[in-house]
Protein backbone atom coordinates (compact mmCIF):
# COMPACT_ATOMS: atom_id res chain seq x y z
CA MET A 1 -14.05 -0.28 -51.90
CA PHE A 2 -13.51 2.05 -48.94
CA LEU A 3 -14.42 5.68 -49.29
CA ARG A 4 -11.93 6.40 -46.58
CA SER A 5 -9.14 4.40 -45.09
CA PRO A 6 -10.09 1.92 -42.36
CA LYS A 7 -9.32 2.74 -38.74
CA PRO A 8 -5.86 1.76 -37.58
CA PHE A 9 -5.59 -1.20 -35.24
CA SER A 10 -6.12 -0.13 -31.64
CA ARG A 11 -4.31 -2.13 -29.01
CA ARG A 12 -6.90 -1.47 -26.31
CA PRO A 13 -10.53 -0.86 -27.28
CA THR A 14 -12.32 1.90 -25.40
CA GLU A 15 -15.23 -0.37 -24.48
CA LEU A 16 -12.92 -2.73 -22.63
CA LEU A 17 -11.23 0.17 -20.84
CA ILE A 18 -14.63 1.48 -19.70
CA GLY A 19 -15.52 -1.94 -18.29
CA VAL A 20 -12.24 -2.16 -16.40
CA GLY A 21 -12.80 1.41 -15.18
CA PHE A 22 -16.15 0.34 -13.74
CA PHE A 23 -14.50 -2.40 -11.70
CA VAL A 24 -11.76 -0.01 -10.57
CA ALA A 25 -14.41 2.49 -9.40
CA VAL A 26 -16.35 -0.22 -7.53
CA ALA A 27 -13.19 -1.50 -5.85
CA ALA A 28 -12.16 2.04 -4.91
CA CYS A 29 -15.62 2.68 -3.47
CA ALA A 30 -15.48 -0.50 -1.38
CA VAL A 31 -12.00 0.21 -0.05
CA THR A 32 -12.88 3.84 0.68
CA ALA A 33 -16.05 2.82 2.52
CA LEU A 34 -14.03 0.46 4.70
CA LEU A 35 -11.10 2.75 5.47
CA VAL A 36 -12.50 6.30 5.65
CA PRO A 37 -15.06 7.18 8.35
CA ASP A 38 -18.59 8.28 7.37
CA THR A 39 -18.07 11.78 8.70
CA GLN A 40 -15.25 12.61 6.25
CA VAL A 41 -17.29 12.93 3.06
CA GLU A 42 -14.80 15.15 1.22
CA VAL A 43 -11.93 12.76 1.95
CA ARG A 44 -14.05 9.95 0.53
CA PHE A 45 -14.68 11.93 -2.66
CA ALA A 46 -10.99 12.81 -2.91
CA ALA A 47 -10.07 9.13 -2.66
CA MET A 48 -12.50 8.29 -5.46
CA GLY A 49 -11.09 11.12 -7.58
CA VAL A 50 -7.52 9.91 -7.07
CA ALA A 51 -8.51 6.35 -7.98
CA ALA A 52 -10.24 7.56 -11.17
CA CYS A 53 -7.23 9.72 -12.05
CA LEU A 54 -4.72 6.91 -11.56
CA TYR A 55 -6.78 4.57 -13.69
CA ALA A 56 -7.13 7.24 -16.38
CA VAL A 57 -3.35 7.67 -16.52
CA VAL A 58 -2.92 3.92 -17.02
CA ALA A 59 -5.77 3.65 -19.53
CA ALA A 60 -4.57 6.68 -21.56
CA ASP A 61 -8.01 7.07 -23.17
CA LEU A 62 -10.06 10.23 -22.70
CA TRP A 63 -13.44 8.56 -23.29
CA ALA A 64 -12.67 5.86 -20.75
CA ALA A 65 -11.40 8.54 -18.34
CA ALA A 66 -14.61 10.55 -18.69
CA VAL A 67 -16.88 7.55 -18.16
CA THR A 68 -14.81 6.32 -15.23
CA GLY A 69 -15.05 9.78 -13.67
CA VAL A 70 -18.85 9.75 -13.95
CA LEU A 71 -18.99 6.22 -12.54
CA ALA A 72 -16.75 7.20 -9.63
CA TRP A 73 -18.96 10.21 -8.91
CA THR A 74 -22.19 8.18 -8.96
CA LEU A 75 -20.74 5.50 -6.72
CA ALA A 76 -19.34 8.08 -4.31
CA THR A 77 -22.62 10.01 -4.25
CA GLY A 78 -24.73 6.89 -3.85
CA PHE A 79 -22.69 4.84 -1.41
CA LEU A 80 -20.20 7.11 0.31
CA THR A 81 -22.43 10.12 1.01
CA HIS A 82 -25.62 8.17 1.68
CA PRO A 83 -24.68 4.76 3.14
CA VAL A 84 -28.11 3.30 2.26
CA GLY A 85 -27.21 3.31 -1.44
CA GLU A 86 -29.48 6.12 -2.68
CA LEU A 87 -28.25 8.31 -5.50
CA ASN A 88 -29.55 11.58 -4.11
CA VAL A 89 -28.22 14.71 -5.79
CA THR A 90 -28.64 17.62 -3.41
CA GLY A 91 -27.51 20.57 -5.48
CA GLY A 92 -24.46 22.73 -5.92
CA SER A 93 -22.06 20.75 -3.77
CA ASP A 94 -22.71 17.58 -5.77
CA GLY A 95 -22.19 19.51 -9.00
CA ILE A 96 -18.86 20.81 -7.75
CA ARG A 97 -17.82 17.29 -6.77
CA LEU A 98 -18.80 16.02 -10.22
CA LEU A 99 -16.71 18.72 -11.88
CA GLY A 100 -13.81 17.94 -9.56
CA ILE A 101 -13.81 14.19 -10.19
CA MET A 102 -14.33 14.69 -13.93
CA GLY A 103 -11.56 17.27 -14.08
CA ILE A 104 -9.01 15.14 -12.29
CA SER A 105 -10.00 12.07 -14.29
CA LEU A 106 -9.69 13.87 -17.63
CA ALA A 107 -6.38 15.40 -16.54
CA GLY A 108 -5.10 11.91 -15.78
CA GLY A 109 -6.34 10.63 -19.14
CA SER A 110 -4.62 13.53 -20.89
CA MET A 111 -1.37 12.85 -19.09
CA GLY A 112 -1.58 9.18 -19.98
CA SER A 113 -2.30 9.98 -23.64
CA ILE A 114 0.54 12.47 -23.89
CA GLY A 115 2.95 10.14 -22.13
CA GLY A 116 2.01 7.24 -24.40
CA GLU A 117 2.65 9.23 -27.57
CA ARG A 118 6.20 10.08 -26.56
CA ILE A 119 7.24 6.48 -26.30
């Protein structure tokens, strides 16, 4: 006997959305590394933020959006700032970039969640 009612059936599990978000972040990192020059670090971070936001809108899951934002930040910090692949956090500017990518990713996840409930 259940002490509480079982969870309703979820069409898309969060774990699967996080895995897809990882591949989206890796693909965005690869495309950004090919198309944006090394000297334009902020443009590279903006491209990663936009990719994370667009995926979060489609996923419509705040947990997946948050994890995808962190993954996008780590990939951008490790491969787009330092081309040798070192995750080297240098201080305040990296913290601001993390907050920026997380903010835009969570905003996209919120918009996707709100838009999905209206339908």
